[in-house]
Amino acid sequence: MDLEKLARYMIWANDIARDLLEELAEEEFSRDVLPPFGSIRSLCAHIMLAIEYNIETRVKKREIDPYELDESYHNMPKEALLAKWREVDDKLLEYAKVETDEAYTFPNFLGDGEIHVPRDGFFMQYLLHTTHHRAQVMSALRAMEKEARTTDYLFYLSDTAEA
């Protein structure tokens, strides 16, 4: 599996979403339109928090407060938040380039104990998590009668002529 290629796909797809979100007024970006997250702003903050928090704490072994990080995202102006989202995507791309046999420990969200996730599984979690939430962003844009675009992998391959 070429994790770096998948990370580049995710950046391509998220850039499409970010370009569309730049067109929104701050009020539209922060409007409550998307249960359970509420606003597109909250959903973007959630995407970023999941990636940045887990890279910082699990991969880089740094202690950070997820609530403080989440609050900082919610208080950013829209343009700064979108720029920070791109920075977080770049962190995941850098992680995709690292070869490691390390597995990361997570709580078992459906039961007791912990689960251990190897590098490829860790990366796939955040690729799939972001894909899921990016689709919610596109749905929210459609609900607001704004432009939304497809970000399917085959469109990425067509756009970049990578096959």
N, C-alpha and C. Protein backbone atom coordinates (compact mmCIF):
# COMPACT_ATOMS: atom_id res chain seq x y z
N MET A 1 0.85 -1.17 0.00
CA MET A 1 0.00 0.00 0.00
C MET A 1 0.90 1.24 0.00
N ASP A 2 0.63 2.18 -0.88
CA ASP A 2 1.42 3.40 -0.99
C ASP A 2 0.75 4.49 -0.15
N LEU A 3 1.15 4.55 1.13
CA LEU A 3 0.53 5.51 2.04
C LEU A 3 0.80 6.95 1.62
N GLU A 4 1.96 7.21 1.06
CA GLU A 4 2.26 8.58 0.63
C GLU A 4 1.31 9.01 -0.49
N LYS A 5 1.03 8.11 -1.43
CA LYS A 5 0.09 8.43 -2.50
C LYS A 5 -1.31 8.68 -1.93
N LEU A 6 -1.71 7.87 -0.96
CA LEU A 6 -3.01 8.07 -0.33
C LEU A 6 -3.06 9.40 0.44
N ALA A 7 -1.95 9.77 1.08
CA ALA A 7 -1.91 11.06 1.78
C ALA A 7 -2.01 12.21 0.79
N ARG A 8 -1.36 12.06 -0.37
CA ARG A 8 -1.46 13.11 -1.40
C ARG A 8 -2.89 13.20 -1.94
N TYR A 9 -3.55 12.05 -2.07
CA TYR A 9 -4.96 12.06 -2.47
C TYR A 9 -5.79 12.82 -1.44
N MET A 10 -5.56 12.53 -0.16
CA MET A 10 -6.35 13.18 0.88
C MET A 10 -6.14 14.70 0.84
N ILE A 11 -4.92 15.14 0.63
CA ILE A 11 -4.66 16.58 0.54
C ILE A 11 -5.38 17.17 -0.67
N TRP A 12 -5.32 16.48 -1.80
CA TRP A 12 -6.02 16.94 -3.02
C TRP A 12 -7.51 17.10 -2.72
N ALA A 13 -8.11 16.08 -2.12
CA ALA A 13 -9.55 16.10 -1.83
C ALA A 13 -9.89 17.18 -0.81
N ASN A 14 -9.08 17.30 0.23
CA ASN A 14 -9.34 18.32 1.25
C ASN A 14 -9.12 19.73 0.70
N ASP A 15 -8.18 19.88 -0.24
CA ASP A 15 -8.00 21.18 -0.88
C ASP A 15 -9.26 21.60 -1.63
N ILE A 16 -9.92 20.64 -2.27
CA ILE A 16 -11.19 20.94 -2.94
C ILE A 16 -12.21 21.44 -1.93
N ALA A 17 -12.32 20.72 -0.81
CA ALA A 17 -13.26 21.14 0.23
C ALA A 17 -12.88 22.51 0.77
N ARG A 18 -11.61 22.72 1.06
CA ARG A 18 -11.18 24.01 1.60
C ARG A 18 -11.47 25.15 0.63
N ASP A 19 -11.24 24.92 -0.67
CA ASP A 19 -11.53 25.96 -1.66
C ASP A 19 -13.01 26.34 -1.64
N LEU A 20 -13.87 25.34 -1.52
CA LEU A 20 -15.31 25.61 -1.45
C LEU A 20 -15.67 26.35 -0.16
N LEU A 21 -15.05 25.96 0.92
CA LEU A 21 -15.34 26.58 2.22
C LEU A 21 -14.85 28.02 2.29
N GLU A 22 -13.80 28.33 1.56
CA GLU A 22 -13.32 29.71 1.53
C GLU A 22 -14.38 30.67 1.00
N GLU A 23 -15.29 30.15 0.18
CA GLU A 23 -16.34 30.98 -0.41
C GLU A 23 -17.47 31.30 0.57
N LEU A 24 -17.53 30.56 1.67
CA LEU A 24 -18.59 30.79 2.65
C LEU A 24 -18.31 32.03 3.49
N ALA A 25 -19.35 32.72 3.82
CA ALA A 25 -19.23 33.79 4.82
C ALA A 25 -18.97 33.13 6.17
N GLU A 26 -18.36 33.88 7.07
CA GLU A 26 -18.07 33.36 8.41
C GLU A 26 -19.35 32.83 9.08
N GLU A 27 -20.45 33.54 8.90
CA GLU A 27 -21.73 33.12 9.49
C GLU A 27 -22.17 31.78 8.93
N GLU A 28 -22.02 31.57 7.63
CA GLU A 28 -22.41 30.30 7.01
C GLU A 28 -21.51 29.17 7.50
N PHE A 29 -20.23 29.45 7.64
CA PHE A 29 -19.25 28.48 8.09
C PHE A 29 -19.55 28.03 9.51
N SER A 30 -20.12 28.93 10.31
CA SER A 30 -20.38 28.65 11.72
C SER A 30 -21.84 28.33 12.01
N ARG A 31 -22.69 28.31 10.99
CA ARG A 31 -24.12 28.05 11.16
C ARG A 31 -24.37 26.59 11.56
N ASP A 32 -25.34 26.36 12.42
CA ASP A 32 -25.71 25.03 12.87
C ASP A 32 -26.53 24.34 11.78
N VAL A 33 -25.85 23.49 10.99
CA VAL A 33 -26.53 22.82 9.87
C VAL A 33 -26.27 21.32 9.83
N LEU A 34 -25.47 20.81 10.75
CA LEU A 34 -24.98 19.44 10.58
C LEU A 34 -24.95 18.66 11.89
N PRO A 35 -26.09 18.11 12.32
CA PRO A 35 -26.07 17.30 13.53
C PRO A 35 -25.14 16.09 13.34
N PRO A 36 -24.41 15.61 14.30
CA PRO A 36 -24.33 16.10 15.68
C PRO A 36 -23.25 17.17 15.86
N PHE A 37 -22.51 17.50 14.81
CA PHE A 37 -21.40 18.45 14.97
C PHE A 37 -21.86 19.89 15.00
N GLY A 38 -23.00 20.17 14.42
CA GLY A 38 -23.52 21.53 14.41
C GLY A 38 -23.10 22.26 13.15
N SER A 39 -21.94 22.86 13.19
CA SER A 39 -21.49 23.69 12.07
C SER A 39 -20.39 23.00 11.27
N ILE A 40 -20.18 23.51 10.08
CA ILE A 40 -19.05 23.05 9.27
C ILE A 40 -17.76 23.36 10.02
N ARG A 41 -17.70 24.51 10.69
CA ARG A 41 -16.53 24.87 11.51
C ARG A 41 -16.22 23.76 12.51
N SER A 42 -17.24 23.30 13.23
CA SER A 42 -17.04 22.27 14.25
C SER A 42 -16.57 20.96 13.62
N LEU A 43 -17.10 20.64 12.46
CA LEU A 43 -16.70 19.42 11.78
C LEU A 43 -15.25 19.51 11.33
N CYS A 44 -14.85 20.64 10.77
CA CYS A 44 -13.45 20.82 10.37
C CYS A 44 -12.53 20.72 11.58
N ALA A 45 -12.92 21.33 12.69
CA ALA A 45 -12.12 21.25 13.91
C ALA A 45 -12.00 19.80 14.38
N HIS A 46 -13.07 19.04 14.27
CA HIS A 46 -13.05 17.64 14.66
C HIS A 46 -12.08 16.84 13.79
N ILE A 47 -12.12 17.05 12.49
CA ILE A 47 -11.20 16.37 11.58
C ILE A 47 -9.75 16.64 12.00
N MET A 48 -9.45 17.91 12.21
CA MET A 48 -8.10 18.32 12.55
C MET A 48 -7.67 17.77 13.91
N LEU A 49 -8.55 17.85 14.88
CA LEU A 49 -8.23 17.38 16.22
C LEU A 49 -7.85 15.91 16.19
N ALA A 50 -8.63 15.10 15.49
CA ALA A 50 -8.36 13.66 15.46
C ALA A 50 -6.96 13.38 14.93
N ILE A 51 -6.60 14.04 13.85
CA ILE A 51 -5.28 13.79 13.25
C ILE A 51 -4.17 14.37 14.13
N GLU A 52 -4.27 15.66 14.42
CA GLU A 52 -3.16 16.31 15.13
C GLU A 52 -2.96 15.72 16.53
N TYR A 53 -4.04 15.53 17.26
CA TYR A 53 -3.90 14.99 18.61
C TYR A 53 -3.23 13.61 18.59
N ASN A 54 -3.66 12.75 17.69
CA ASN A 54 -3.13 11.39 17.69
C ASN A 54 -1.72 11.31 17.13
N ILE A 55 -1.36 12.15 16.19
CA ILE A 55 0.04 12.18 15.75
C ILE A 55 0.92 12.71 16.87
N GLU A 56 0.49 13.79 17.50
CA GLU A 56 1.31 14.38 18.57
C GLU A 56 1.45 13.45 19.77
N THR A 57 0.36 12.83 20.20
CA THR A 57 0.42 12.04 21.43
C THR A 57 0.90 10.61 21.20
N ARG A 58 0.47 9.99 20.13
CA ARG A 58 0.81 8.58 19.93
C ARG A 58 2.12 8.42 19.16
N VAL A 59 2.31 9.19 18.11
CA VAL A 59 3.51 9.04 17.28
C VAL A 59 4.68 9.81 17.88
N LYS A 60 4.47 11.09 18.18
CA LYS A 60 5.57 11.94 18.67
C LYS A 60 5.73 11.88 20.18
N LYS A 61 4.80 11.22 20.86
CA LYS A 61 4.87 11.01 22.32
C LYS A 61 4.89 12.33 23.10
N ARG A 62 4.15 13.31 22.63
CA ARG A 62 4.04 14.60 23.31
C ARG A 62 2.72 14.64 24.06
N GLU A 63 2.73 15.27 25.21
CA GLU A 63 1.49 15.42 25.96
C GLU A 63 0.85 16.74 25.58
N ILE A 64 -0.37 16.66 25.08
CA ILE A 64 -1.14 17.87 24.78
C ILE A 64 -2.56 17.68 25.28
N ASP A 65 -3.20 18.77 25.56
CA ASP A 65 -4.57 18.74 26.07
C ASP A 65 -5.52 18.81 24.88
N PRO A 66 -6.29 17.75 24.62
CA PRO A 66 -7.17 17.77 23.46
C PRO A 66 -8.26 18.84 23.55
N TYR A 67 -8.70 19.15 24.76
CA TYR A 67 -9.75 20.15 24.92
C TYR A 67 -9.22 21.55 24.60
N GLU A 68 -8.00 21.81 25.02
CA GLU A 68 -7.37 23.10 24.72
C GLU A 68 -7.13 23.23 23.21
N LEU A 69 -6.66 22.16 22.59
CA LEU A 69 -6.43 22.16 21.15
C LEU A 69 -7.74 22.39 20.40
N ASP A 70 -8.79 21.67 20.80
CA ASP A 70 -10.09 21.80 20.16
C ASP A 70 -10.63 23.23 20.30
N GLU A 71 -10.49 23.80 21.49
CA GLU A 71 -10.96 25.16 21.72
C GLU A 71 -10.20 26.15 20.84
N SER A 72 -8.89 25.94 20.68
CA SER A 72 -8.10 26.85 19.85
C SER A 72 -8.60 26.81 18.41
N TYR A 73 -8.97 25.62 17.92
CA TYR A 73 -9.50 25.52 16.56
C TYR A 73 -10.81 26.28 16.43
N HIS A 74 -11.69 26.11 17.40
CA HIS A 74 -13.00 26.75 17.33
C HIS A 74 -12.92 28.28 17.40
N ASN A 75 -11.85 28.80 17.97
CA ASN A 75 -11.71 30.25 18.11
C ASN A 75 -10.96 30.90 16.96
N MET A 76 -10.47 30.11 16.02
CA MET A 76 -9.74 30.67 14.88
C MET A 76 -10.70 31.29 13.87
N PRO A 77 -10.29 32.38 13.23
CA PRO A 77 -11.07 32.86 12.09
C PRO A 77 -11.08 31.77 11.00
N LYS A 78 -12.09 31.78 10.18
CA LYS A 78 -12.27 30.73 9.17
C LYS A 78 -11.00 30.53 8.34
N GLU A 79 -10.40 31.59 7.85
CA GLU A 79 -9.23 31.47 6.98
C GLU A 79 -8.06 30.80 7.71
N ALA A 80 -7.87 31.16 8.97
CA ALA A 80 -6.80 30.55 9.76
C ALA A 80 -7.08 29.08 10.02
N LEU A 81 -8.34 28.75 10.28
CA LEU A 81 -8.70 27.35 10.53
C LEU A 81 -8.46 26.51 9.28
N LEU A 82 -8.83 27.02 8.11
CA LEU A 82 -8.62 26.28 6.87
C LEU A 82 -7.13 26.11 6.58
N ALA A 83 -6.34 27.13 6.87
CA ALA A 83 -4.89 27.03 6.69
C ALA A 83 -4.29 26.01 7.66
N LYS A 84 -4.78 26.01 8.89
CA LYS A 84 -4.30 25.05 9.88
C LYS A 84 -4.68 23.63 9.47
N TRP A 85 -5.86 23.46 8.89
CA TRP A 85 -6.28 22.14 8.41
C TRP A 85 -5.28 21.64 7.39
N ARG A 86 -4.83 22.50 6.49
CA ARG A 86 -3.85 22.09 5.50
C ARG A 86 -2.54 21.67 6.19
N GLU A 87 -2.13 22.41 7.21
CA GLU A 87 -0.92 22.05 7.97
C GLU A 87 -1.06 20.66 8.59
N VAL A 88 -2.24 20.38 9.12
CA VAL A 88 -2.49 19.08 9.74
C VAL A 88 -2.43 17.97 8.68
N ASP A 89 -2.98 18.23 7.50
CA ASP A 89 -2.88 17.27 6.40
C ASP A 89 -1.41 17.00 6.05
N ASP A 90 -0.60 18.06 6.05
CA ASP A 90 0.82 17.90 5.75
C ASP A 90 1.51 17.04 6.81
N LYS A 91 1.07 17.14 8.07
CA LYS A 91 1.62 16.28 9.12
C LYS A 91 1.33 14.81 8.82
N LEU A 92 0.11 14.54 8.34
CA LEU A 92 -0.23 13.16 8.02
C LEU A 92 0.58 12.68 6.82
N LEU A 93 0.83 13.54 5.84
CA LEU A 93 1.69 13.18 4.71
C LEU A 93 3.09 12.84 5.21
N GLU A 94 3.64 13.63 6.09
CA GLU A 94 4.98 13.34 6.63
C GLU A 94 4.97 12.01 7.37
N TYR A 95 3.90 11.74 8.10
CA TYR A 95 3.79 10.45 8.80
C TYR A 95 3.75 9.30 7.80
N ALA A 96 3.08 9.51 6.67
CA ALA A 96 2.97 8.45 5.66
C ALA A 96 4.33 8.07 5.09
N LYS A 97 5.29 8.97 5.17
CA LYS A 97 6.63 8.71 4.63
C LYS A 97 7.52 7.94 5.61
N VAL A 98 7.08 7.82 6.86
CA VAL A 98 7.89 7.18 7.90
C VAL A 98 7.64 5.68 7.90
N GLU A 99 8.71 4.92 7.88
CA GLU A 99 8.61 3.46 8.02
C GLU A 99 8.81 3.11 9.47
N THR A 100 7.86 2.40 10.05
CA THR A 100 8.00 1.98 11.44
C THR A 100 7.20 0.70 11.66
N ASP A 101 7.69 -0.08 12.60
CA ASP A 101 6.96 -1.28 13.01
C ASP A 101 6.14 -1.02 14.26
N GLU A 102 6.17 0.23 14.73
CA GLU A 102 5.47 0.58 15.96
C GLU A 102 3.95 0.44 15.78
N ALA A 103 3.31 -0.03 16.83
CA ALA A 103 1.84 -0.07 16.89
C ALA A 103 1.42 0.93 17.95
N TYR A 104 0.25 1.49 17.77
CA TYR A 104 -0.24 2.54 18.66
C TYR A 104 -1.44 2.01 19.44
N THR A 105 -1.50 2.37 20.69
CA THR A 105 -2.54 1.88 21.58
C THR A 105 -3.69 2.87 21.65
N PHE A 106 -4.89 2.34 21.49
CA PHE A 106 -6.12 3.12 21.59
C PHE A 106 -7.06 2.40 22.55
N PRO A 107 -7.97 3.15 23.16
CA PRO A 107 -9.00 2.46 23.95
C PRO A 107 -9.89 1.64 23.02
N ASN A 108 -10.41 0.56 23.53
CA ASN A 108 -11.40 -0.20 22.77
C ASN A 108 -12.72 0.55 22.93
N PHE A 109 -13.12 1.26 21.89
CA PHE A 109 -14.30 2.11 21.97
C PHE A 109 -15.61 1.33 22.08
N LEU A 110 -15.55 0.03 21.80
CA LEU A 110 -16.77 -0.79 21.85
C LEU A 110 -16.76 -1.80 22.98
N GLY A 111 -15.75 -1.73 23.81
CA GLY A 111 -15.67 -2.68 24.91
C GLY A 111 -14.57 -2.29 25.87
N ASP A 112 -14.12 -3.27 26.63
CA ASP A 112 -13.08 -3.04 27.62
C ASP A 112 -11.70 -3.17 26.99
N GLY A 113 -10.74 -2.63 27.68
CA GLY A 113 -9.35 -2.82 27.29
C GLY A 113 -8.88 -1.87 26.20
N GLU A 114 -7.86 -2.34 25.50
CA GLU A 114 -7.22 -1.52 24.49
C GLU A 114 -7.09 -2.31 23.19
N ILE A 115 -6.86 -1.57 22.12
CA ILE A 115 -6.52 -2.20 20.84
C ILE A 115 -5.18 -1.63 20.40
N HIS A 116 -4.45 -2.40 19.63
CA HIS A 116 -3.15 -1.99 19.13
C HIS A 116 -3.25 -1.90 17.62
N VAL A 117 -2.89 -0.73 17.11
CA VAL A 117 -3.07 -0.44 15.69
C VAL A 117 -1.69 -0.21 15.06
N PRO A 118 -1.32 -1.04 14.06
CA PRO A 118 -0.03 -0.82 13.40
C PRO A 118 -0.07 0.44 12.52
N ARG A 119 1.09 0.84 12.04
CA ARG A 119 1.26 2.07 11.25
C ARG A 119 0.23 2.18 10.13
N ASP A 120 0.08 1.15 9.30
CA ASP A 120 -0.85 1.24 8.17
C ASP A 120 -2.28 1.42 8.65
N GLY A 121 -2.65 0.73 9.71
CA GLY A 121 -3.99 0.87 10.26
C GLY A 121 -4.22 2.24 10.87
N PHE A 122 -3.20 2.78 11.52
CA PHE A 122 -3.26 4.13 12.09
C PHE A 122 -3.51 5.13 10.96
N PHE A 123 -2.74 5.02 9.89
CA PHE A 123 -2.91 5.93 8.76
C PHE A 123 -4.30 5.78 8.15
N MET A 124 -4.72 4.54 7.94
CA MET A 124 -6.03 4.30 7.32
C MET A 124 -7.17 4.86 8.16
N GLN A 125 -7.03 4.79 9.49
CA GLN A 125 -8.06 5.37 10.36
C GLN A 125 -8.29 6.83 10.01
N TYR A 126 -7.22 7.59 9.87
CA TYR A 126 -7.39 9.03 9.64
C TYR A 126 -7.71 9.37 8.20
N LEU A 127 -7.28 8.55 7.27
CA LEU A 127 -7.70 8.73 5.88
C LEU A 127 -9.22 8.49 5.76
N LEU A 128 -9.69 7.39 6.32
CA LEU A 128 -11.11 7.05 6.23
C LEU A 128 -11.96 7.99 7.08
N HIS A 129 -11.48 8.35 8.26
CA HIS A 129 -12.18 9.28 9.14
C HIS A 129 -12.38 10.61 8.42
N THR A 130 -11.32 11.11 7.80
CA THR A 130 -11.40 12.39 7.09
C THR A 130 -12.32 12.27 5.88
N THR A 131 -12.24 11.17 5.15
CA THR A 131 -13.11 10.97 3.98
C THR A 131 -14.58 11.01 4.40
N HIS A 132 -14.89 10.32 5.49
CA HIS A 132 -16.26 10.30 6.00
C HIS A 132 -16.75 11.72 6.33
N HIS A 133 -15.93 12.45 7.07
CA HIS A 133 -16.35 13.79 7.47
C HIS A 133 -16.31 14.80 6.32
N ARG A 134 -15.41 14.61 5.37
CA ARG A 134 -15.40 15.49 4.19
C ARG A 134 -16.71 15.31 3.40
N ALA A 135 -17.21 14.09 3.34
CA ALA A 135 -18.50 13.86 2.68
C ALA A 135 -19.62 14.58 3.44
N GLN A 136 -19.53 14.62 4.76
CA GLN A 136 -20.52 15.37 5.53
C GLN A 136 -20.42 16.87 5.23
N VAL A 137 -19.20 17.38 5.06
CA VAL A 137 -19.03 18.78 4.69
C VAL A 137 -19.72 19.04 3.35
N MET A 138 -19.51 18.15 2.38
CA MET A 138 -20.12 18.33 1.06
C MET A 138 -21.65 18.27 1.17
N SER A 139 -22.15 17.39 2.00
CA SER A 139 -23.61 17.31 2.20
C SER A 139 -24.14 18.58 2.84
N ALA A 140 -23.40 19.12 3.80
CA ALA A 140 -23.82 20.37 4.43
C ALA A 140 -23.83 21.51 3.41
N LEU A 141 -22.83 21.54 2.54
CA LEU A 141 -22.82 22.57 1.49
C LEU A 141 -24.04 22.44 0.59
N ARG A 142 -24.37 21.22 0.21
CA ARG A 142 -25.56 21.00 -0.63
C ARG A 142 -26.82 21.44 0.10
N ALA A 143 -26.90 21.14 1.38
CA ALA A 143 -28.08 21.53 2.17
C ALA A 143 -28.20 23.05 2.24
N MET A 144 -27.08 23.74 2.15
CA MET A 144 -27.08 25.19 2.17
C MET A 144 -27.23 25.77 0.75
N GLU A 145 -27.46 24.86 -0.21
CA GLU A 145 -27.60 25.24 -1.62
C GLU A 145 -26.34 25.91 -2.16
N LYS A 146 -25.18 25.38 -1.71
CA LYS A 146 -23.87 25.82 -2.16
C LYS A 146 -23.27 24.74 -3.04
N GLU A 147 -22.23 25.11 -3.77
CA GLU A 147 -21.54 24.14 -4.62
C GLU A 147 -20.84 23.09 -3.77
N ALA A 148 -20.93 21.85 -4.22
CA ALA A 148 -20.18 20.75 -3.63
C ALA A 148 -19.57 19.96 -4.79
N ARG A 149 -18.47 19.32 -4.55
CA ARG A 149 -17.79 18.57 -5.61
C ARG A 149 -17.44 17.18 -5.13
N THR A 150 -17.29 16.29 -6.08
CA THR A 150 -16.86 14.93 -5.73
C THR A 150 -15.37 14.92 -5.47
N THR A 151 -14.97 14.07 -4.55
CA THR A 151 -13.56 13.93 -4.21
C THR A 151 -13.15 12.46 -4.26
N ASP A 152 -13.79 11.69 -5.11
CA ASP A 152 -13.48 10.27 -5.24
C ASP A 152 -12.03 10.06 -5.69
N TYR A 153 -11.46 8.97 -5.25
CA TYR A 153 -10.07 8.62 -5.57
C TYR A 153 -9.84 8.55 -7.07
N LEU A 154 -10.79 8.01 -7.82
CA LEU A 154 -10.61 7.93 -9.28
C LEU A 154 -10.54 9.31 -9.92
N PHE A 155 -11.23 10.28 -9.35
CA PHE A 155 -11.13 11.66 -9.85
C PHE A 155 -9.72 12.21 -9.57
N TYR A 156 -9.18 11.87 -8.43
CA TYR A 156 -7.81 12.27 -8.11
C TYR A 156 -6.84 11.67 -9.14
N LEU A 157 -6.99 10.38 -9.39
CA LEU A 157 -6.10 9.74 -10.35
C LEU A 157 -6.25 10.38 -11.74
N SER A 158 -7.46 10.69 -12.14
CA SER A 158 -7.69 11.33 -13.43
C SER A 158 -7.10 12.74 -13.46
N ASP A 159 -7.29 13.47 -12.39
CA ASP A 159 -6.82 14.85 -12.32
C ASP A 159 -5.30 14.95 -12.31
N THR A 160 -4.67 14.01 -11.66
CA THR A 160 -3.21 14.07 -11.53
C THR A 160 -2.52 13.16 -12.53
N ALA A 161 -3.31 12.44 -13.33
CA ALA A 161 -2.76 11.50 -14.32
C ALA A 161 -1.88 10.42 -13.68
N GLU A 162 -2.23 10.06 -12.44
CA GLU A 162 -1.54 8.99 -11.74
C GLU A 162 -2.40 7.74 -11.81
N ALA A 163 -1.84 6.69 -12.27
CA ALA A 163 -2.61 5.43 -12.32
C ALA A 163 -1.76 4.29 -11.81
